[in-house]
Amino acid sequence: MVIGFAMVKVVRGHEDEAYLDLRKVSGVKEAYRILGEYQFFVVMQAKSVAALQGLIGGVRSIPDATNICHVLITDRDASKQLAPIDESSFDFEVPVRGCS
């Protein structure tokens, strides 16, 4: 399994419609509303990198999506749960750059 993470920018004021459209894309496992330049953080899962590229194309085809920024693509075994991150241990902020 391949897991992909992306941030998605949508037309301002169309976030609700875009969220519903994102959830309809087969392979989108989770979609989180975020604040900032991008409106959604999306978790995707596919059987191969090629299938993930097709899935990203499906996200791009959402009518209200204006930009997508791939954050990470990994071959990590998707059947294993990711360990939760203890955000209280962070003493800094990392700005996201290069995703315009």
N, C-alpha and C. Protein backbone atom coordinates (compact mmCIF):
# COMPACT_ATOMS: atom_id res chain seq x y z
N MET A 1 0.83 -1.19 0.00
CA MET A 1 0.00 0.00 0.00
C MET A 1 0.87 1.25 0.00
N VAL A 2 0.37 2.28 -0.62
CA VAL A 2 1.05 3.57 -0.67
C VAL A 2 0.13 4.59 -0.03
N ILE A 3 0.69 5.40 0.84
CA ILE A 3 -0.09 6.46 1.50
C ILE A 3 0.42 7.79 0.99
N GLY A 4 -0.48 8.69 0.65
CA GLY A 4 -0.11 10.02 0.20
C GLY A 4 -0.78 11.07 1.06
N PHE A 5 -0.08 12.15 1.29
CA PHE A 5 -0.61 13.28 2.04
C PHE A 5 -0.55 14.50 1.14
N ALA A 6 -1.56 15.32 1.18
CA ALA A 6 -1.57 16.52 0.34
C ALA A 6 -2.35 17.63 1.01
N MET A 7 -2.03 18.85 0.62
CA MET A 7 -2.83 20.00 1.02
C MET A 7 -3.56 20.46 -0.24
N VAL A 8 -4.81 20.83 -0.06
CA VAL A 8 -5.65 21.22 -1.20
C VAL A 8 -6.20 22.62 -0.96
N LYS A 9 -6.04 23.46 -1.98
CA LYS A 9 -6.59 24.81 -1.95
C LYS A 9 -7.86 24.80 -2.78
N VAL A 10 -8.92 25.44 -2.26
CA VAL A 10 -10.19 25.48 -2.97
C VAL A 10 -10.68 26.92 -3.07
N VAL A 11 -11.67 27.12 -3.92
CA VAL A 11 -12.27 28.44 -4.10
C VAL A 11 -12.87 28.89 -2.77
N ARG A 12 -12.52 30.10 -2.35
CA ARG A 12 -13.02 30.64 -1.08
C ARG A 12 -14.55 30.66 -1.09
N GLY A 13 -15.13 30.19 0.00
CA GLY A 13 -16.58 30.15 0.12
C GLY A 13 -17.19 28.84 -0.37
N HIS A 14 -16.37 27.97 -0.96
CA HIS A 14 -16.86 26.70 -1.49
C HIS A 14 -16.29 25.50 -0.71
N GLU A 15 -15.86 25.75 0.51
CA GLU A 15 -15.22 24.71 1.31
C GLU A 15 -16.15 23.53 1.59
N ASP A 16 -17.43 23.81 1.89
CA ASP A 16 -18.36 22.73 2.20
C ASP A 16 -18.55 21.80 1.01
N GLU A 17 -18.75 22.38 -0.17
CA GLU A 17 -18.93 21.57 -1.38
C GLU A 17 -17.66 20.78 -1.69
N ALA A 18 -16.51 21.43 -1.53
CA ALA A 18 -15.24 20.77 -1.81
C ALA A 18 -15.01 19.61 -0.85
N TYR A 19 -15.37 19.79 0.42
CA TYR A 19 -15.21 18.71 1.39
C TYR A 19 -16.03 17.49 0.97
N LEU A 20 -17.28 17.72 0.61
CA LEU A 20 -18.14 16.61 0.18
C LEU A 20 -17.57 15.93 -1.06
N ASP A 21 -17.05 16.72 -2.00
CA ASP A 21 -16.45 16.15 -3.21
C ASP A 21 -15.18 15.35 -2.88
N LEU A 22 -14.36 15.87 -1.96
CA LEU A 22 -13.15 15.15 -1.56
C LEU A 22 -13.50 13.79 -0.97
N ARG A 23 -14.52 13.75 -0.13
CA ARG A 23 -14.90 12.49 0.52
C ARG A 23 -15.45 11.47 -0.48
N LYS A 24 -15.89 11.93 -1.64
CA LYS A 24 -16.42 11.02 -2.67
C LYS A 24 -15.32 10.38 -3.51
N VAL A 25 -14.11 10.93 -3.47
CA VAL A 25 -13.01 10.39 -4.28
C VAL A 25 -12.55 9.08 -3.64
N SER A 26 -12.64 8.00 -4.40
CA SER A 26 -12.23 6.69 -3.91
C SER A 26 -10.74 6.73 -3.57
N GLY A 27 -10.39 6.32 -2.38
CA GLY A 27 -8.99 6.34 -1.96
C GLY A 27 -8.68 7.47 -1.00
N VAL A 28 -9.55 8.48 -0.91
CA VAL A 28 -9.38 9.53 0.09
C VAL A 28 -9.88 8.95 1.41
N LYS A 29 -8.97 8.77 2.34
CA LYS A 29 -9.32 8.16 3.63
C LYS A 29 -9.77 9.19 4.65
N GLU A 30 -9.14 10.37 4.62
CA GLU A 30 -9.49 11.42 5.57
C GLU A 30 -9.26 12.77 4.90
N ALA A 31 -10.09 13.74 5.28
CA ALA A 31 -9.92 15.12 4.81
C ALA A 31 -10.16 16.03 6.00
N TYR A 32 -9.16 16.83 6.33
CA TYR A 32 -9.24 17.72 7.48
C TYR A 32 -9.27 19.16 7.00
N ARG A 33 -10.16 19.96 7.57
CA ARG A 33 -10.23 21.39 7.27
C ARG A 33 -9.12 22.06 8.06
N ILE A 34 -8.29 22.86 7.38
CA ILE A 34 -7.20 23.57 8.05
C ILE A 34 -7.30 25.06 7.74
N LEU A 35 -6.61 25.85 8.51
CA LEU A 35 -6.58 27.30 8.30
C LEU A 35 -5.28 27.67 7.60
N GLY A 36 -5.33 28.71 6.81
CA GLY A 36 -4.14 29.17 6.12
C GLY A 36 -4.35 29.22 4.62
N GLU A 37 -3.25 29.17 3.90
CA GLU A 37 -3.30 29.27 2.44
C GLU A 37 -4.07 28.11 1.81
N TYR A 38 -3.93 26.93 2.40
CA TYR A 38 -4.65 25.74 1.92
C TYR A 38 -5.80 25.45 2.86
N GLN A 39 -6.89 24.90 2.34
CA GLN A 39 -8.08 24.69 3.14
C GLN A 39 -8.23 23.25 3.65
N PHE A 40 -7.54 22.28 3.04
CA PHE A 40 -7.70 20.89 3.45
C PHE A 40 -6.36 20.16 3.50
N PHE A 41 -6.24 19.27 4.47
CA PHE A 41 -5.15 18.31 4.55
C PHE A 41 -5.79 16.96 4.29
N VAL A 42 -5.30 16.26 3.28
CA VAL A 42 -5.96 15.04 2.80
C VAL A 42 -5.02 13.84 2.95
N VAL A 43 -5.57 12.74 3.46
CA VAL A 43 -4.85 11.48 3.56
C VAL A 43 -5.44 10.54 2.52
N MET A 44 -4.57 10.01 1.65
CA MET A 44 -5.01 9.13 0.56
C MET A 44 -4.29 7.79 0.67
N GLN A 45 -4.93 6.75 0.15
CA GLN A 45 -4.33 5.42 0.16
C GLN A 45 -4.61 4.74 -1.16
N ALA A 46 -3.56 4.13 -1.73
CA ALA A 46 -3.70 3.42 -3.01
C ALA A 46 -2.81 2.18 -2.98
N LYS A 47 -3.00 1.30 -3.96
CA LYS A 47 -2.23 0.05 -4.02
C LYS A 47 -0.83 0.24 -4.59
N SER A 48 -0.63 1.32 -5.36
CA SER A 48 0.68 1.56 -5.98
C SER A 48 0.87 3.06 -6.19
N VAL A 49 2.09 3.44 -6.50
CA VAL A 49 2.37 4.85 -6.79
C VAL A 49 1.56 5.30 -8.00
N ALA A 50 1.47 4.44 -9.02
CA ALA A 50 0.69 4.79 -10.21
C ALA A 50 -0.78 5.01 -9.86
N ALA A 51 -1.32 4.15 -9.00
CA ALA A 51 -2.72 4.31 -8.58
C ALA A 51 -2.88 5.59 -7.76
N LEU A 52 -1.87 5.92 -6.95
CA LEU A 52 -1.93 7.15 -6.16
C LEU A 52 -1.91 8.37 -7.07
N GLN A 53 -1.12 8.31 -8.14
CA GLN A 53 -1.10 9.42 -9.09
C GLN A 53 -2.48 9.61 -9.71
N GLY A 54 -3.16 8.52 -10.01
CA GLY A 54 -4.52 8.62 -10.52
C GLY A 54 -5.46 9.21 -9.49
N LEU A 55 -5.27 8.84 -8.24
CA LEU A 55 -6.08 9.37 -7.15
C LEU A 55 -5.87 10.88 -7.01
N ILE A 56 -4.62 11.31 -7.12
CA ILE A 56 -4.32 12.75 -7.06
C ILE A 56 -5.00 13.47 -8.21
N GLY A 57 -5.04 12.83 -9.38
CA GLY A 57 -5.77 13.40 -10.52
C GLY A 57 -7.25 13.55 -10.20
N GLY A 58 -7.81 12.58 -9.47
CA GLY A 58 -9.21 12.67 -9.05
C GLY A 58 -9.45 13.84 -8.13
N VAL A 59 -8.50 14.09 -7.23
CA VAL A 59 -8.61 15.24 -6.32
C VAL A 59 -8.50 16.53 -7.12
N ARG A 60 -7.57 16.57 -8.07
CA ARG A 60 -7.40 17.77 -8.91
C ARG A 60 -8.66 18.08 -9.72
N SER A 61 -9.42 17.05 -10.06
CA SER A 61 -10.60 17.25 -10.91
C SER A 61 -11.81 17.79 -10.16
N ILE A 62 -11.71 17.91 -8.84
CA ILE A 62 -12.82 18.48 -8.08
C ILE A 62 -13.03 19.91 -8.56
N PRO A 63 -14.27 20.28 -8.90
CA PRO A 63 -14.53 21.59 -9.50
C PRO A 63 -13.99 22.78 -8.71
N ASP A 64 -14.03 22.72 -7.38
CA ASP A 64 -13.61 23.86 -6.58
C ASP A 64 -12.14 23.82 -6.16
N ALA A 65 -11.41 22.76 -6.53
CA ALA A 65 -9.99 22.66 -6.18
C ALA A 65 -9.17 23.52 -7.14
N THR A 66 -8.35 24.39 -6.58
CA THR A 66 -7.53 25.27 -7.41
C THR A 66 -6.05 24.90 -7.39
N ASN A 67 -5.62 24.16 -6.35
CA ASN A 67 -4.21 23.77 -6.25
C ASN A 67 -4.08 22.60 -5.29
N ILE A 68 -3.11 21.75 -5.53
CA ILE A 68 -2.83 20.64 -4.62
C ILE A 68 -1.33 20.57 -4.42
N CYS A 69 -0.91 20.39 -3.19
CA CYS A 69 0.51 20.32 -2.84
C CYS A 69 0.75 18.97 -2.17
N HIS A 70 1.58 18.12 -2.79
CA HIS A 70 1.90 16.82 -2.21
C HIS A 70 2.89 17.03 -1.08
N VAL A 71 2.56 16.49 0.07
CA VAL A 71 3.43 16.65 1.23
C VAL A 71 4.37 15.46 1.37
N LEU A 72 3.82 14.24 1.23
CA LEU A 72 4.63 13.05 1.43
C LEU A 72 3.95 11.87 0.77
N ILE A 73 4.73 11.04 0.15
CA ILE A 73 4.22 9.78 -0.38
C ILE A 73 5.12 8.70 0.18
N THR A 74 4.54 7.67 0.77
CA THR A 74 5.33 6.64 1.43
C THR A 74 4.81 5.25 1.11
N ASP A 75 5.70 4.28 1.15
CA ASP A 75 5.32 2.88 0.98
C ASP A 75 5.06 2.20 2.32
N ARG A 76 4.94 2.96 3.36
CA ARG A 76 4.72 2.42 4.70
C ARG A 76 3.51 1.50 4.69
N ASP A 77 3.59 0.43 5.44
CA ASP A 77 2.49 -0.53 5.54
C ASP A 77 1.27 0.17 6.11
N ALA A 78 0.28 0.37 5.27
CA ALA A 78 -0.91 1.13 5.66
C ALA A 78 -1.77 0.39 6.67
N SER A 79 -1.53 -0.90 6.86
CA SER A 79 -2.35 -1.64 7.82
C SER A 79 -1.94 -1.35 9.25
N LYS A 80 -0.77 -0.75 9.45
CA LYS A 80 -0.31 -0.41 10.79
C LYS A 80 -0.76 1.00 11.14
N GLN A 81 -1.21 1.18 12.34
CA GLN A 81 -1.62 2.50 12.80
C GLN A 81 -0.39 3.38 13.01
N LEU A 82 -0.48 4.62 12.61
CA LEU A 82 0.59 5.56 12.89
C LEU A 82 0.52 5.97 14.35
N ALA A 83 1.66 6.09 14.99
CA ALA A 83 1.67 6.50 16.39
C ALA A 83 1.25 7.96 16.50
N PRO A 84 0.42 8.29 17.49
CA PRO A 84 0.01 9.68 17.66
C PRO A 84 1.21 10.56 18.00
N ILE A 85 1.16 11.79 17.57
CA ILE A 85 2.23 12.75 17.82
C ILE A 85 1.86 13.56 19.05
N ASP A 86 2.80 13.67 19.99
CA ASP A 86 2.59 14.48 21.18
C ASP A 86 3.00 15.91 20.85
N GLU A 87 2.02 16.73 20.46
CA GLU A 87 2.31 18.10 20.04
C GLU A 87 2.80 18.97 21.19
N SER A 88 2.56 18.56 22.43
CA SER A 88 3.00 19.37 23.56
C SER A 88 4.53 19.40 23.65
N SER A 89 5.20 18.46 22.99
CA SER A 89 6.67 18.44 23.03
C SER A 89 7.29 19.41 22.02
N PHE A 90 6.48 20.00 21.14
CA PHE A 90 7.00 20.93 20.15
C PHE A 90 7.24 22.29 20.81
N ASP A 91 8.44 22.82 20.62
CA ASP A 91 8.71 24.16 21.14
C ASP A 91 9.04 25.11 20.00
N PHE A 92 8.56 24.80 18.81
CA PHE A 92 8.80 25.62 17.64
C PHE A 92 7.68 25.40 16.64
N GLU A 93 7.60 26.28 15.65
CA GLU A 93 6.65 26.12 14.57
C GLU A 93 7.43 25.96 13.28
N VAL A 94 6.97 25.07 12.42
CA VAL A 94 7.62 24.85 11.14
C VAL A 94 6.70 25.36 10.05
N PRO A 95 7.05 26.46 9.39
CA PRO A 95 6.19 26.96 8.31
C PRO A 95 6.27 26.05 7.09
N VAL A 96 5.16 25.92 6.39
CA VAL A 96 5.13 25.13 5.16
C VAL A 96 5.47 26.07 4.02
N ARG A 97 6.48 25.73 3.26
CA ARG A 97 6.91 26.58 2.15
C ARG A 97 7.02 25.75 0.89
N GLY A 98 6.96 26.43 -0.24
CA GLY A 98 7.20 25.77 -1.50
C GLY A 98 6.02 24.98 -2.04
N CYS A 99 4.84 25.29 -1.59
CA CYS A 99 3.65 24.56 -2.03
C CYS A 99 2.66 25.46 -2.75
N SER A 100 3.13 26.50 -3.37
CA SER A 100 2.19 27.41 -4.03
C SER A 100 1.91 26.97 -5.44
